[in-house]
Amino acid sequence: MALRPALAQASPEPGCINLHSLAGAWRTAERELLIRFVDDKGARLELDPVCPALAQGVELSIVAAGGWACPGKPLFVRDNNATCPVIEMRPLSQAEVAGALEVRAAQLRSVTTLDKVIVQGHH
């Protein structure tokens, strides 16, 4: 996901999240993302179940009017092939984001990479 520097702006209404302050994002399930902001707070985004599953390693964009994700307002996640509506945005505290990052780091450490295998067949 392309990240932009944080812009100092006033929130248009209570509970809104400035998407310009994104510091990172990762997929936590087929239709779920966790996003982290420069202040180490974050949010969990659940996508509409009718959307196709998000592929790993694909660049994503999070889109909302004016760059602000506000409760009850349209919010979308876009990849190369689809734009999916977010059906739930749940803000996360710094501690919750830190816990999610620890889980992600443990998952990444548990991935096993095998040496290159070359298969040759004879007819």
PDB file of N, CA and C in Angstrom:
ATOM      1  N   MET A   1       0.851  -1.165   0.000  1.00  0.00           N
ATOM      2  CA  MET A   1       0.000   0.000   0.000  1.00  0.00           C
ATOM      3  C   MET A   1       0.894   1.224   0.000  1.00  0.00           C
ATOM      4  N   ALA A   2       0.573   2.180  -0.826  1.00  0.00           N
ATOM      5  CA  ALA A   2       1.314   3.432  -0.857  1.00  0.00           C
ATOM      6  C   ALA A   2       0.912   4.274   0.342  1.00  0.00           C
ATOM      7  N   LEU A   3       1.875   4.745   1.083  1.00  0.00           N
ATOM      8  CA  LEU A   3       1.588   5.534   2.274  1.00  0.00           C
ATOM      9  C   LEU A   3       1.996   6.971   2.040  1.00  0.00           C
ATOM     10  N   ARG A   4       1.197   7.890   2.546  1.00  0.00           N
ATOM     11  CA  ARG A   4       1.475   9.311   2.406  1.00  0.00           C
ATOM     12  C   ARG A   4       1.843   9.886   3.768  1.00  0.00           C
ATOM     13  N   PRO A   5       2.601  10.990   3.804  1.00  0.00           N
ATOM     14  CA  PRO A   5       2.930  11.596   5.090  1.00  0.00           C
ATOM     15  C   PRO A   5       1.676  12.142   5.774  1.00  0.00           C
ATOM     16  N   ALA A   6       1.724  12.173   7.086  1.00  0.00           N
ATOM     17  CA  ALA A   6       0.585  12.673   7.856  1.00  0.00           C
ATOM     18  C   ALA A   6       0.372  14.157   7.590  1.00  0.00           C
ATOM     19  N   LEU A   7      -0.869  14.538   7.475  1.00  0.00           N
ATOM     20  CA  LEU A   7      -1.236  15.934   7.303  1.00  0.00           C
ATOM     21  C   LEU A   7      -2.005  16.377   8.535  1.00  0.00           C
ATOM     22  N   ALA A   8      -1.668  17.523   9.087  1.00  0.00           N
ATOM     23  CA  ALA A   8      -2.355  18.030  10.271  1.00  0.00           C
ATOM     24  C   ALA A   8      -3.684  18.635   9.835  1.00  0.00           C
ATOM     25  N   GLN A   9      -4.756  17.990  10.208  1.00  0.00           N
ATOM     26  CA  GLN A   9      -6.100  18.451   9.894  1.00  0.00           C
ATOM     27  C   GLN A   9      -6.990  18.133  11.082  1.00  0.00           C
ATOM     28  N   ALA A  10      -8.060  18.911  11.205  1.00  0.00           N
ATOM     29  CA  ALA A  10      -9.032  18.645  12.261  1.00  0.00           C
ATOM     30  C   ALA A  10     -10.010  17.582  11.774  1.00  0.00           C
ATOM     31  N   SER A  11     -10.378  16.676  12.653  1.00  0.00           N
ATOM     32  CA  SER A  11     -11.334  15.627  12.330  1.00  0.00           C
ATOM     33  C   SER A  11     -12.687  16.238  11.974  1.00  0.00           C
ATOM     34  N   PRO A  12     -13.312  15.760  10.886  1.00  0.00           N
ATOM     35  CA  PRO A  12     -14.601  16.320  10.497  1.00  0.00           C
ATOM     36  C   PRO A  12     -15.723  16.009  11.480  1.00  0.00           C
ATOM     37  N   GLU A  13     -15.583  14.911  12.255  1.00  0.00           N
ATOM     38  CA  GLU A  13     -16.555  14.552  13.290  1.00  0.00           C
ATOM     39  C   GLU A  13     -15.909  13.570  14.260  1.00  0.00           C
ATOM     40  N   PRO A  14     -16.480  13.386  15.441  1.00  0.00           N
ATOM     41  CA  PRO A  14     -15.881  12.480  16.431  1.00  0.00           C
ATOM     42  C   PRO A  14     -15.770  11.048  15.900  1.00  0.00           C
ATOM     43  N   GLY A  15     -14.674  10.391  16.249  1.00  0.00           N
ATOM     44  CA  GLY A  15     -14.478   8.992  15.879  1.00  0.00           C
ATOM     45  C   GLY A  15     -13.859   8.773  14.515  1.00  0.00           C
ATOM     46  N   CYS A  16     -13.579   9.843  13.780  1.00  0.00           N
ATOM     47  CA  CYS A  16     -12.979   9.703  12.448  1.00  0.00           C
ATOM     48  C   CYS A  16     -11.484   9.435  12.552  1.00  0.00           C
ATOM     49  N   ILE A  17     -10.953   8.710  11.563  1.00  0.00           N
ATOM     50  CA  ILE A  17      -9.541   8.380  11.505  1.00  0.00           C
ATOM     51  C   ILE A  17      -8.962   8.993  10.243  1.00  0.00           C
ATOM     52  N   ASN A  18      -7.857   9.733  10.398  1.00  0.00           N
ATOM     53  CA  ASN A  18      -7.194  10.381   9.274  1.00  0.00           C
ATOM     54  C   ASN A  18      -6.381   9.333   8.515  1.00  0.00           C
ATOM     55  N   LEU A  19      -6.833   8.983   7.321  1.00  0.00           N
ATOM     56  CA  LEU A  19      -6.134   7.974   6.526  1.00  0.00           C
ATOM     57  C   LEU A  19      -4.797   8.461   5.995  1.00  0.00           C
ATOM     58  N   HIS A  20      -4.553   9.769   6.050  1.00  0.00           N
ATOM     59  CA  HIS A  20      -3.257  10.304   5.624  1.00  0.00           C
ATOM     60  C   HIS A  20      -2.148   9.981   6.626  1.00  0.00           C
ATOM     61  N   SER A  21      -2.527   9.524   7.823  1.00  0.00           N
ATOM     62  CA  SER A  21      -1.519   9.212   8.838  1.00  0.00           C
ATOM     63  C   SER A  21      -1.223   7.713   8.920  1.00  0.00           C
ATOM     64  N   LEU A  22      -1.526   6.967   7.845  1.00  0.00           N
ATOM     65  CA  LEU A  22      -1.239   5.538   7.830  1.00  0.00           C
ATOM     66  C   LEU A  22       0.264   5.289   7.886  1.00  0.00           C
ATOM     67  N   ALA A  23       0.655   4.341   8.731  1.00  0.00           N
ATOM     68  CA  ALA A  23       2.055   3.950   8.824  1.00  0.00           C
ATOM     69  C   ALA A  23       2.259   2.525   8.320  1.00  0.00           C
ATOM     70  N   GLY A  24       1.172   1.769   8.163  1.00  0.00           N
ATOM     71  CA  GLY A  24       1.285   0.394   7.683  1.00  0.00           C
ATOM     72  C   GLY A  24      -0.060  -0.287   7.688  1.00  0.00           C
ATOM     73  N   ALA A  25      -0.120  -1.386   6.965  1.00  0.00           N
ATOM     74  CA  ALA A  25      -1.341  -2.184   6.905  1.00  0.00           C
ATOM     75  C   ALA A  25      -0.972  -3.607   6.536  1.00  0.00           C
ATOM     76  N   TRP A  26      -1.738  -4.559   7.038  1.00  0.00           N
ATOM     77  CA  TRP A  26      -1.527  -5.943   6.646  1.00  0.00           C
ATOM     78  C   TRP A  26      -2.828  -6.702   6.749  1.00  0.00           C
ATOM     79  N   ARG A  27      -2.883  -7.760   5.961  1.00  0.00           N
ATOM     80  CA  ARG A  27      -4.054  -8.628   5.914  1.00  0.00           C
ATOM     81  C   ARG A  27      -3.996  -9.584   7.095  1.00  0.00           C
ATOM     82  N   THR A  28      -5.106  -9.689   7.843  1.00  0.00           N
ATOM     83  CA  THR A  28      -5.158 -10.622   8.966  1.00  0.00           C
ATOM     84  C   THR A  28      -6.078 -11.798   8.681  1.00  0.00           C
ATOM     85  N   ALA A  29      -6.882 -11.701   7.641  1.00  0.00           N
ATOM     86  CA  ALA A  29      -7.766 -12.783   7.182  1.00  0.00           C
ATOM     87  C   ALA A  29      -8.126 -12.467   5.734  1.00  0.00           C
ATOM     88  N   GLU A  30      -8.862 -13.374   5.088  1.00  0.00           N
ATOM     89  CA  GLU A  30      -9.192 -13.161   3.676  1.00  0.00           C
ATOM     90  C   GLU A  30      -9.897 -11.836   3.419  1.00  0.00           C
ATOM     91  N   ARG A  31     -10.738 -11.422   4.341  1.00  0.00           N
ATOM     92  CA  ARG A  31     -11.501 -10.183   4.158  1.00  0.00           C
ATOM     93  C   ARG A  31     -11.350  -9.260   5.360  1.00  0.00           C
ATOM     94  N   GLU A  32     -10.152  -9.241   5.920  1.00  0.00           N
ATOM     95  CA  GLU A  32      -9.908  -8.406   7.089  1.00  0.00           C
ATOM     96  C   GLU A  32      -8.508  -7.805   7.012  1.00  0.00           C
ATOM     97  N   LEU A  33      -8.424  -6.526   7.364  1.00  0.00           N
ATOM     98  CA  LEU A  33      -7.146  -5.813   7.395  1.00  0.00           C
ATOM     99  C   LEU A  33      -6.957  -5.188   8.759  1.00  0.00           C
ATOM    100  N   LEU A  34      -5.716  -5.032   9.146  1.00  0.00           N
ATOM    101  CA  LEU A  34      -5.386  -4.243  10.311  1.00  0.00           C
ATOM    102  C   LEU A  34      -4.545  -3.091   9.802  1.00  0.00           C
ATOM    103  N   ILE A  35      -4.916  -1.876  10.161  1.00  0.00           N
ATOM    104  CA  ILE A  35      -4.151  -0.709   9.740  1.00  0.00           C
ATOM    105  C   ILE A  35      -3.563  -0.034  10.973  1.00  0.00           C
ATOM    106  N   ARG A  36      -2.339   0.501  10.806  1.00  0.00           N
ATOM    107  CA  ARG A  36      -1.628   1.161  11.908  1.00  0.00           C
ATOM    108  C   ARG A  36      -1.314   2.581  11.471  1.00  0.00           C
ATOM    109  N   PHE A  37      -1.420   3.502  12.419  1.00  0.00           N
ATOM    110  CA  PHE A  37      -1.181   4.915  12.156  1.00  0.00           C
ATOM    111  C   PHE A  37       0.120   5.358  12.798  1.00  0.00           C
ATOM    112  N   VAL A  38       0.568   6.561  12.452  1.00  0.00           N
ATOM    113  CA  VAL A  38       1.839   7.063  12.964  1.00  0.00           C
ATOM    114  C   VAL A  38       1.864   7.178  14.481  1.00  0.00           C
ATOM    115  N   ASP A  39       0.706   7.296  15.128  1.00  0.00           N
ATOM    116  CA  ASP A  39       0.656   7.367  16.590  1.00  0.00           C
ATOM    117  C   ASP A  39       0.558   5.982  17.230  1.00  0.00           C
ATOM    118  N   ASP A  40       0.752   4.921  16.433  1.00  0.00           N
ATOM    119  CA  ASP A  40       0.699   3.514  16.860  1.00  0.00           C
ATOM    120  C   ASP A  40      -0.685   3.037  17.254  1.00  0.00           C
ATOM    121  N   LYS A  41      -1.711   3.828  17.035  1.00  0.00           N
ATOM    122  CA  LYS A  41      -3.074   3.327  17.171  1.00  0.00           C
ATOM    123  C   LYS A  41      -3.436   2.721  15.836  1.00  0.00           C
ATOM    124  N   GLY A  42      -4.598   2.096  15.758  1.00  0.00           N
ATOM    125  CA  GLY A  42      -4.970   1.468  14.499  1.00  0.00           C
ATOM    126  C   GLY A  42      -6.440   1.157  14.438  1.00  0.00           C
ATOM    127  N   ALA A  43      -6.789   0.338  13.461  1.00  0.00           N
ATOM    128  CA  ALA A  43      -8.168  -0.090  13.280  1.00  0.00           C
ATOM    129  C   ALA A  43      -8.169  -1.425  12.554  1.00  0.00           C
ATOM    130  N   ARG A  44      -9.200  -2.198  12.829  1.00  0.00           N
ATOM    131  CA  ARG A  44      -9.431  -3.457  12.130  1.00  0.00           C
ATOM    132  C   ARG A  44     -10.575  -3.204  11.157  1.00  0.00           C
ATOM    133  N   LEU A  45     -10.354  -3.528   9.880  1.00  0.00           N
ATOM    134  CA  LEU A  45     -11.351  -3.320   8.845  1.00  0.00           C
ATOM    135  C   LEU A  45     -11.869  -4.667   8.367  1.00  0.00           C
ATOM    136  N   GLU A  46     -13.183  -4.843   8.402  1.00  0.00           N
ATOM    137  CA  GLU A  46     -13.804  -6.064   7.890  1.00  0.00           C
ATOM    138  C   GLU A  46     -14.506  -5.722   6.587  1.00  0.00           C
ATOM    139  N   LEU A  47     -14.192  -6.491   5.546  1.00  0.00           N
ATOM    140  CA  LEU A  47     -14.762  -6.240   4.230  1.00  0.00           C
ATOM    141  C   LEU A  47     -16.051  -7.029   4.021  1.00  0.00           C
ATOM    142  N   ASP A  48     -16.876  -6.529   3.132  1.00  0.00           N
ATOM    143  CA  ASP A  48     -18.127  -7.181   2.770  1.00  0.00           C
ATOM    144  C   ASP A  48     -17.838  -8.615   2.312  1.00  0.00           C
ATOM    145  N   PRO A  49     -18.595  -9.614   2.825  1.00  0.00           N
ATOM    146  CA  PRO A  49     -18.331 -11.012   2.463  1.00  0.00           C
ATOM    147  C   PRO A  49     -18.548 -11.324   0.983  1.00  0.00           C
ATOM    148  N   VAL A  50     -19.271 -10.491   0.255  1.00  0.00           N
ATOM    149  CA  VAL A  50     -19.466 -10.753  -1.176  1.00  0.00           C
ATOM    150  C   VAL A  50     -18.231 -10.381  -1.995  1.00  0.00           C
ATOM    151  N   CYS A  51     -17.291  -9.667  -1.402  1.00  0.00           N
ATOM    152  CA  CYS A  51     -16.068  -9.291  -2.109  1.00  0.00           C
ATOM    153  C   CYS A  51     -15.149 -10.496  -2.235  1.00  0.00           C
ATOM    154  N   PRO A  52     -14.342 -10.525  -3.283  1.00  0.00           N
ATOM    155  CA  PRO A  52     -13.359 -11.609  -3.387  1.00  0.00           C
ATOM    156  C   PRO A  52     -12.326 -11.488  -2.268  1.00  0.00           C
ATOM    157  N   ALA A  53     -11.720 -12.611  -1.925  1.00  0.00           N
ATOM    158  CA  ALA A  53     -10.695 -12.620  -0.886  1.00  0.00           C
ATOM    159  C   ALA A  53      -9.508 -11.783  -1.334  1.00  0.00           C
ATOM    160  N   LEU A  54      -8.887 -11.085  -0.396  1.00  0.00           N
ATOM    161  CA  LEU A  54      -7.702 -10.286  -0.700  1.00  0.00           C
ATOM    162  C   LEU A  54      -6.503 -11.205  -0.876  1.00  0.00           C
ATOM    163  N   ALA A  55      -5.747 -10.971  -1.908  1.00  0.00           N
ATOM    164  CA  ALA A  55      -4.543 -11.759  -2.144  1.00  0.00           C
ATOM    165  C   ALA A  55      -3.403 -11.217  -1.288  1.00  0.00           C
ATOM    166  N   GLN A  56      -2.517 -12.090  -0.850  1.00  0.00           N
ATOM    167  CA  GLN A  56      -1.331 -11.666  -0.110  1.00  0.00           C
ATOM    168  C   GLN A  56      -0.389 -10.947  -1.066  1.00  0.00           C
ATOM    169  N   GLY A  57       0.284  -9.910  -0.592  1.00  0.00           N
ATOM    170  CA  GLY A  57       1.308  -9.241  -1.361  1.00  0.00           C
ATOM    171  C   GLY A  57       0.807  -8.293  -2.437  1.00  0.00           C
ATOM    172  N   VAL A  58      -0.484  -8.041  -2.485  1.00  0.00           N
ATOM    173  CA  VAL A  58      -1.048  -7.129  -3.478  1.00  0.00           C
ATOM    174  C   VAL A  58      -1.139  -5.738  -2.865  1.00  0.00           C
ATOM    175  N   GLU A  59      -0.789  -4.712  -3.629  1.00  0.00           N
ATOM    176  CA  GLU A  59      -0.874  -3.342  -3.125  1.00  0.00           C
ATOM    177  C   GLU A  59      -2.334  -2.945  -2.951  1.00  0.00           C
ATOM    178  N   LEU A  60      -2.652  -2.402  -1.791  1.00  0.00           N
ATOM    179  CA  LEU A  60      -4.021  -2.002  -1.465  1.00  0.00           C
ATOM    180  C   LEU A  60      -4.083  -0.507  -1.226  1.00  0.00           C
ATOM    181  N   SER A  61      -5.260   0.061  -1.472  1.00  0.00           N
ATOM    182  CA  SER A  61      -5.541   1.453  -1.141  1.00  0.00           C
ATOM    183  C   SER A  61      -6.778   1.475  -0.265  1.00  0.00           C
ATOM    184  N   ILE A  62      -6.778   2.343   0.728  1.00  0.00           N
ATOM    185  CA  ILE A  62      -7.956   2.540   1.571  1.00  0.00           C
ATOM    186  C   ILE A  62      -8.519   3.896   1.197  1.00  0.00           C
ATOM    187  N   VAL A  63      -9.797   3.909   0.812  1.00  0.00           N
ATOM    188  CA  VAL A  63     -10.399   5.101   0.219  1.00  0.00           C
ATOM    189  C   VAL A  63     -11.616   5.540   1.022  1.00  0.00           C
ATOM    190  N   ALA A  64     -11.654   6.829   1.366  1.00  0.00           N
ATOM    191  CA  ALA A  64     -12.802   7.427   2.043  1.00  0.00           C
ATOM    192  C   ALA A  64     -12.874   8.888   1.632  1.00  0.00           C
ATOM    193  N   ALA A  65     -14.043   9.465   1.723  1.00  0.00           N
ATOM    194  CA  ALA A  65     -14.247  10.865   1.346  1.00  0.00           C
ATOM    195  C   ALA A  65     -13.327  11.770   2.149  1.00  0.00           C
ATOM    196  N   GLY A  66     -12.563  12.606   1.464  1.00  0.00           N
ATOM    197  CA  GLY A  66     -11.679  13.560   2.119  1.00  0.00           C
ATOM    198  C   GLY A  66     -10.508  12.941   2.848  1.00  0.00           C
ATOM    199  N   GLY A  67     -10.294  11.610   2.694  1.00  0.00           N
ATOM    200  CA  GLY A  67      -9.192  10.949   3.389  1.00  0.00           C
ATOM    201  C   GLY A  67      -9.472  10.659   4.851  1.00  0.00           C
ATOM    202  N   TRP A  68     -10.751  10.746   5.265  1.00  0.00           N
ATOM    203  CA  TRP A  68     -11.150  10.477   6.649  1.00  0.00           C
ATOM    204  C   TRP A  68     -12.097   9.287   6.696  1.00  0.00           C
ATOM    205  N   ALA A  69     -11.757   8.269   7.490  1.00  0.00           N
ATOM    206  CA  ALA A  69     -12.631   7.126   7.726  1.00  0.00           C
ATOM    207  C   ALA A  69     -13.469   7.450   8.953  1.00  0.00           C
ATOM    208  N   CYS A  70     -14.773   7.641   8.731  1.00  0.00           N
ATOM    209  CA  CYS A  70     -15.676   8.033   9.817  1.00  0.00           C
ATOM    210  C   CYS A  70     -16.740   6.961  10.046  1.00  0.00           C
ATOM    211  N   PRO A  71     -17.130   6.737  11.301  1.00  0.00           N
ATOM    212  CA  PRO A  71     -18.160   5.747  11.606  1.00  0.00           C
ATOM    213  C   PRO A  71     -19.445   6.040  10.819  1.00  0.00           C
ATOM    214  N   GLY A  72     -19.967   4.985  10.188  1.00  0.00           N
ATOM    215  CA  GLY A  72     -21.221   5.117   9.455  1.00  0.00           C
ATOM    216  C   GLY A  72     -21.094   5.735   8.068  1.00  0.00           C
ATOM    217  N   LYS A  73     -19.893   6.110   7.672  1.00  0.00           N
ATOM    218  CA  LYS A  73     -19.658   6.712   6.352  1.00  0.00           C
ATOM    219  C   LYS A  73     -18.993   5.681   5.441  1.00  0.00           C
ATOM    220  N   PRO A  74     -19.168   5.813   4.116  1.00  0.00           N
ATOM    221  CA  PRO A  74     -18.561   4.846   3.193  1.00  0.00           C
ATOM    222  C   PRO A  74     -17.032   4.812   3.296  1.00  0.00           C
ATOM    223  N   LEU A  75     -16.513   3.584   3.304  1.00  0.00           N
ATOM    224  CA  LEU A  75     -15.083   3.328   3.364  1.00  0.00           C
ATOM    225  C   LEU A  75     -14.823   2.115   2.488  1.00  0.00           C
ATOM    226  N   PHE A  76     -13.764   2.149   1.680  1.00  0.00           N
ATOM    227  CA  PHE A  76     -13.501   1.083   0.725  1.00  0.00           C
ATOM    228  C   PHE A  76     -12.034   0.679   0.750  1.00  0.00           C
ATOM    229  N   VAL A  77     -11.784  -0.585   0.394  1.00  0.00           N
ATOM    230  CA  VAL A  77     -10.436  -1.091   0.181  1.00  0.00           C
ATOM    231  C   VAL A  77     -10.371  -1.500  -1.284  1.00  0.00           C
ATOM    232  N   ARG A  78      -9.336  -1.022  -1.957  1.00  0.00           N
ATOM    233  CA  ARG A  78      -9.192  -1.262  -3.390  1.00  0.00           C
ATOM    234  C   ARG A  78      -7.880  -1.984  -3.661  1.00  0.00           C
ATOM    235  N   ASP A  79      -7.955  -3.016  -4.526  1.00  0.00           N
ATOM    236  CA  ASP A  79      -6.735  -3.651  -5.010  1.00  0.00           C
ATOM    237  C   ASP A  79      -6.724  -3.545  -6.529  1.00  0.00           C
ATOM    238  N   ASN A  80      -5.898  -4.326  -7.192  1.00  0.00           N
ATOM    239  CA  ASN A  80      -5.795  -4.240  -8.650  1.00  0.00           C
ATOM    240  C   ASN A  80      -7.096  -4.607  -9.362  1.00  0.00           C
ATOM    241  N   ASN A  81      -7.904  -5.488  -8.757  1.00  0.00           N
ATOM    242  CA  ASN A  81      -9.058  -6.049  -9.447  1.00  0.00           C
ATOM    243  C   ASN A  81     -10.411  -5.621  -8.912  1.00  0.00           C
ATOM    244  N   ALA A  82     -10.486  -5.146  -7.698  1.00  0.00           N
ATOM    245  CA  ALA A  82     -11.802  -4.895  -7.099  1.00  0.00           C
ATOM    246  C   ALA A  82     -11.746  -3.752  -6.095  1.00  0.00           C
ATOM    247  N   THR A  83     -12.918  -3.167  -5.861  1.00  0.00           N
ATOM    248  CA  THR A  83     -13.111  -2.192  -4.791  1.00  0.00           C
ATOM    249  C   THR A  83     -14.166  -2.776  -3.867  1.00  0.00           C
ATOM    250  N   CYS A  84     -13.807  -2.986  -2.617  1.00  0.00           N
ATOM    251  CA  CYS A  84     -14.705  -3.640  -1.664  1.00  0.00           C
ATOM    252  C   CYS A  84     -15.103  -2.689  -0.545  1.00  0.00           C
ATOM    253  N   PRO A  85     -16.391  -2.654  -0.209  1.00  0.00           N
ATOM    254  CA  PRO A  85     -16.810  -1.823   0.912  1.00  0.00           C
ATOM    255  C   PRO A  85     -16.405  -2.438   2.250  1.00  0.00           C
ATOM    256  N   VAL A  86     -16.055  -1.575   3.178  1.00  0.00           N
ATOM    257  CA  VAL A  86     -15.771  -1.994   4.556  1.00  0.00           C
ATOM    258  C   VAL A  86     -17.107  -2.014   5.284  1.00  0.00           C
ATOM    259  N   ILE A  87     -17.438  -3.153   5.910  1.00  0.00           N
ATOM    260  CA  ILE A  87     -18.712  -3.241   6.627  1.00  0.00           C
ATOM    261  C   ILE A  87     -18.556  -2.938   8.111  1.00  0.00           C
ATOM    262  N   GLU A  88     -17.306  -3.019   8.600  1.00  0.00           N
ATOM    263  CA  GLU A  88     -17.060  -2.665  10.000  1.00  0.00           C
ATOM    264  C   GLU A  88     -15.647  -2.118  10.148  1.00  0.00           C
ATOM    265  N   MET A  89     -15.537  -1.020  10.853  1.00  0.00           N
ATOM    266  CA  MET A  89     -14.246  -0.439  11.205  1.00  0.00           C
ATOM    267  C   MET A  89     -14.217  -0.355  12.725  1.00  0.00           C
ATOM    268  N   ARG A  90     -13.270  -1.090  13.335  1.00  0.00           N
ATOM    269  CA  ARG A  90     -13.171  -1.082  14.795  1.00  0.00           C
ATOM    270  C   ARG A  90     -11.833  -0.478  15.189  1.00  0.00           C
ATOM    271  N   PRO A  91     -11.860   0.705  15.839  1.00  0.00           N
ATOM    272  CA  PRO A  91     -10.602   1.323  16.290  1.00  0.00           C
ATOM    273  C   PRO A  91      -9.869   0.419  17.286  1.00  0.00           C
ATOM    274  N   LEU A  92      -8.545   0.462  17.240  1.00  0.00           N
ATOM    275  CA  LEU A  92      -7.703  -0.320  18.135  1.00  0.00           C
ATOM    276  C   LEU A  92      -6.776   0.605  18.908  1.00  0.00           C
ATOM    277  N   SER A  93      -6.533   0.269  20.156  1.00  0.00           N
ATOM    278  CA  SER A  93      -5.612   1.040  20.993  1.00  0.00           C
ATOM    279  C   SER A  93      -4.169   0.697  20.623  1.00  0.00           C
ATOM    280  N   GLN A  94      -3.235   1.451  21.176  1.00  0.00           N
ATOM    281  CA  GLN A  94      -1.812   1.160  20.966  1.00  0.00           C
ATOM    282  C   GLN A  94      -1.479  -0.251  21.444  1.00  0.00           C
ATOM    283  N   ALA A  95      -2.039  -0.657  22.584  1.00  0.00           N
ATOM    284  CA  ALA A  95      -1.766  -1.995  23.127  1.00  0.00           C
ATOM    285  C   ALA A  95      -2.315  -3.083  22.209  1.00  0.00           C
ATOM    286  N   GLU A  96      -3.497  -2.880  21.662  1.00  0.00           N
ATOM    287  CA  GLU A  96      -4.074  -3.873  20.747  1.00  0.00           C
ATOM    288  C   GLU A  96      -3.260  -3.983  19.463  1.00  0.00           C
ATOM    289  N   VAL A  97      -2.785  -2.854  18.956  1.00  0.00           N
ATOM    290  CA  VAL A  97      -1.948  -2.876  17.750  1.00  0.00           C
ATOM    291  C   VAL A  97      -0.633  -3.586  18.054  1.00  0.00           C
ATOM    292  N   ALA A  98      -0.026  -3.289  19.203  1.00  0.00           N
ATOM    293  CA  ALA A  98       1.229  -3.936  19.583  1.00  0.00           C
ATOM    294  C   ALA A  98       1.044  -5.457  19.677  1.00  0.00           C
ATOM    295  N   GLY A  99      -0.076  -5.898  20.254  1.00  0.00           N
ATOM    296  CA  GLY A  99      -0.366  -7.334  20.346  1.00  0.00           C
ATOM    297  C   GLY A  99      -0.528  -7.970  18.973  1.00  0.00           C
ATOM    298  N   ALA A 100      -1.223  -7.284  18.078  1.00  0.00           N
ATOM    299  CA  ALA A 100      -1.415  -7.795  16.714  1.00  0.00           C
ATOM    300  C   ALA A 100      -0.086  -7.870  15.969  1.00  0.00           C
ATOM    301  N   LEU A 101       0.791  -6.891  16.204  1.00  0.00           N
ATOM    302  CA  LEU A 101       2.110  -6.917  15.572  1.00  0.00           C
ATOM    303  C   LEU A 101       2.952  -8.085  16.082  1.00  0.00           C
ATOM    304  N   GLU A 102       2.828  -8.410  17.373  1.00  0.00           N
ATOM    305  CA  GLU A 102       3.549  -9.554  17.934  1.00  0.00           C
ATOM    306  C   GLU A 102       3.066 -10.857  17.312  1.00  0.00           C
ATOM    307  N   VAL A 103       1.747 -10.991  17.149  1.00  0.00           N
ATOM    308  CA  VAL A 103       1.178 -12.185  16.515  1.00  0.00           C
ATOM    309  C   VAL A 103       1.682 -12.301  15.082  1.00  0.00           C
ATOM    310  N   ARG A 104       1.681 -11.184  14.360  1.00  0.00           N
ATOM    311  CA  ARG A 104       2.138 -11.186  12.965  1.00  0.00           C
ATOM    312  C   ARG A 104       3.609 -11.570  12.883  1.00  0.00           C
ATOM    313  N   ALA A 105       4.437 -11.024  13.775  1.00  0.00           N
ATOM    314  CA  ALA A 105       5.867 -11.350  13.771  1.00  0.00           C
ATOM    315  C   ALA A 105       6.078 -12.844  14.032  1.00  0.00           C
ATOM    316  N   ALA A 106       5.310 -13.417  14.955  1.00  0.00           N
ATOM    317  CA  ALA A 106       5.421 -14.854  15.243  1.00  0.00           C
ATOM    318  C   ALA A 106       5.014 -15.679  14.028  1.00  0.00           C
ATOM    319  N   GLN A 107       3.969 -15.244  13.325  1.00  0.00           N
ATOM    320  CA  GLN A 107       3.545 -15.964  12.121  1.00  0.00           C
ATOM    321  C   GLN A 107       4.616 -15.896  11.046  1.00  0.00           C
ATOM    322  N   LEU A 108       5.237 -14.740  10.880  1.00  0.00           N
ATOM    323  CA  LEU A 108       6.277 -14.597   9.868  1.00  0.00           C
ATOM    324  C   LEU A 108       7.502 -15.444  10.202  1.00  0.00           C
ATOM    325  N   ARG A 109       7.824 -15.559  11.490  1.00  0.00           N
ATOM    326  CA  ARG A 109       8.962 -16.383  11.905  1.00  0.00           C
ATOM    327  C   ARG A 109       8.694 -17.859  11.662  1.00  0.00           C
ATOM    328  N   SER A 110       7.425 -18.272  11.709  1.00  0.00           N
ATOM    329  CA  SER A 110       7.094 -19.691  11.575  1.00  0.00           C
ATOM    330  C   SER A 110       7.025 -20.150  10.120  1.00  0.00           C
ATOM    331  N   VAL A 111       7.148 -19.228   9.179  1.00  0.00           N
ATOM    332  CA  VAL A 111       7.117 -19.599   7.766  1.00  0.00           C
ATOM    333  C   VAL A 111       8.430 -20.289   7.400  1.00  0.00           C
ATOM    334  N   THR A 112       8.322 -21.449   6.800  1.00  0.00           N
ATOM    335  CA  THR A 112       9.494 -22.214   6.395  1.00  0.00           C
ATOM    336  C   THR A 112       9.733 -22.021   4.909  1.00  0.00           C
ATOM    337  N   THR A 113      10.936 -21.652   4.562  1.00  0.00           N
ATOM    338  CA  THR A 113      11.310 -21.496   3.161  1.00  0.00           C
ATOM    339  C   THR A 113      12.226 -22.650   2.788  1.00  0.00           C
ATOM    340  N   LEU A 114      11.856 -23.359   1.742  1.00  0.00           N
ATOM    341  CA  LEU A 114      12.651 -24.496   1.296  1.00  0.00           C
ATOM    342  C   LEU A 114      13.619 -24.066   0.205  1.00  0.00           C
ATOM    343  N   ASP A 115      14.685 -24.843   0.072  1.00  0.00           N
ATOM    344  CA  ASP A 115      15.611 -24.594  -1.025  1.00  0.00           C
ATOM    345  C   ASP A 115      14.900 -24.820  -2.349  1.00  0.00           C
ATOM    346  N   LYS A 116      15.431 -24.222  -3.394  1.00  0.00           N
ATOM    347  CA  LYS A 116      14.872 -24.334  -4.736  1.00  0.00           C
ATOM    348  C   LYS A 116      14.894 -25.794  -5.177  1.00  0.00           C
ATOM    349  N   VAL A 117      13.770 -26.255  -5.738  1.00  0.00           N
ATOM    350  CA  VAL A 117      13.659 -27.620  -6.234  1.00  0.00           C
ATOM    351  C   VAL A 117      13.498 -27.551  -7.745  1.00  0.00           C
ATOM    352  N   ILE A 118      14.301 -28.319  -8.458  1.00  0.00           N
ATOM    353  CA  ILE A 118      14.204 -28.378  -9.913  1.00  0.00           C
ATOM    354  C   ILE A 118      13.697 -29.770 -10.285  1.00  0.00           C
ATOM    355  N   VAL A 119      12.618 -29.799 -11.025  1.00  0.00           N
ATOM    356  CA  VAL A 119      12.028 -31.077 -11.443  1.00  0.00           C
ATOM    357  C   VAL A 119      12.295 -31.244 -12.921  1.00  0.00           C
ATOM    358  N   GLN A 120      12.857 -32.371 -13.283  1.00  0.00           N
ATOM    359  CA  GLN A 120      13.109 -32.677 -14.689  1.00  0.00           C
ATOM    360  C   GLN A 120      12.453 -34.018 -14.998  1.00  0.00           C
ATOM    361  N   GLY A 121      11.783 -34.059 -16.103  1.00  0.00           N
ATOM    362  CA  GLY A 121      11.127 -35.302 -16.500  1.00  0.00           C
ATOM    363  C   GLY A 121      11.629 -35.768 -17.838  1.00  0.00           C
ATOM    364  N   HIS A 122      11.592 -37.053 -18.048  1.00  0.00           N
ATOM    365  CA  HIS A 122      12.001 -37.627 -19.332  1.00  0.00           C
ATOM    366  C   HIS A 122      10.814 -38.412 -19.864  1.00  0.00           C
ATOM    367  N   HIS A 123      10.589 -38.276 -21.150  1.00  0.00           N
ATOM    368  CA  HIS A 123       9.512 -39.029 -21.806  1.00  0.00           C
ATOM    369  C   HIS A 123      10.073 -40.149 -22.625  1.00  0.00           C
TER     370      HIS A 123
END
